[in-house]
Amino acid sequence: MEKKISLSAIATFILLVMVSLSANLTAQKVSPTIDFSAYKRLKVKPSEADPSVKNWDSAHRVIYDKAIKNNKVLLWLTGTGGSTDHVPQSFFKTALDQGYRIIALSFMSAPGVSQVCKGDYLSQDVDCAAEFRRKRIYGDNTFLPIPDQYQDAIIPRLTKLLQYLSKNDKEGVWSQYLDQNTGKPLWSKIAIAGQSQGGGMAEFIAQHESVARIISFSGGWDYSDSKTKKIAGWYSQKLVTSPQNVFATYHVKEGASTELAKICKELHIPAENVFALDQPISQQSNKPVHGNPYHTEGIKNPEYKPIWIKMLGSGYDF
């Protein structure tokens, strides 16, 4: 009897191991870990680049091919609540293959626009979303509902990081991404890609700077009236970046697909640069995002790699 129980236990153990191995292999196929060891990788805390930074000090991440000296930067801006601890690896690898170098910027990603500019507050200030985004991007206006300081804003943090890299990573030749007269980012050599809140930030920047390229993945839906879902007025402002260099995606099944389609038209993004995604949801996107897993499909699903390549174009700077 003891021998039968022992054999049964062993058989059960082996079965469990086989199931576990199968699950692990499936997980690896669904969410592969991409090897970036061939590239130079740096982590720089915002406070290293700018000692005045006191909040949201998780590291910026930098990835580039040391053999490429003259190329564009792809600046990555995460969605609400996101950080540089979790980046879209497949998309990043595609961007590197297209010739870009990557900066995943650490900035205050919470709260998001939709968490602040709503209800009574929005009804009292219909320009809330534009004021919010201006504060989080440039840091040069007064907007009390969020705690962001000037040194926390996206462009000041990017500027300080590029200045830091210019001094501390000589082989990267980072000075080429700074205007030598102003010390500010040289936007003609910088593309911006962002998810959700980050995509909206990219679109807002495109209205104020002539950026090499803009890629918005389901880039946020700001309202001037949340009850009627009237989109925010700032979307109608003329792009400074050439519309031909502005790209956007959204999934037809995500919650705000109607609003996102309207926003693309309001921004005058060329129809051929807007991708209404419609593939079945990928296995690696099986966790809902605010109850809607389709919201992150554009950046997560490798089925869309051909679209990524079209939106990225060439990262080489000839």
Foldseek 3Di string as FASTA:
>chain_A
DVVVVVVVVVVVVVVVVVVVVVVVVVVCVQPPDDDLVQWDKDWDFLCNLPVVDDPQGGTKIKTAHLVAAFFFEEEEEEAAPDAPVDDLVVLQVLLRVLPHIYIDDGAHRPPFQVVQCADPNLQVPLQSSVQVLCCQAQVPDDDPPDPDHRSRHNQNSVLSVLVVCVPVVVSNVSCVQADPVPSGGPQLRYEYEYAACSLLSQLLVQLPDQHNAHEYQLHYFDGSHPVVSHGGPSLQRAGPHPLQRYAYEAEPPFDCNVRVVVSCVSNVRDPVRYYHDYDPARPVQPDDDVNGSRSCRCSHPCVCSVNSCVNSPHRGDD
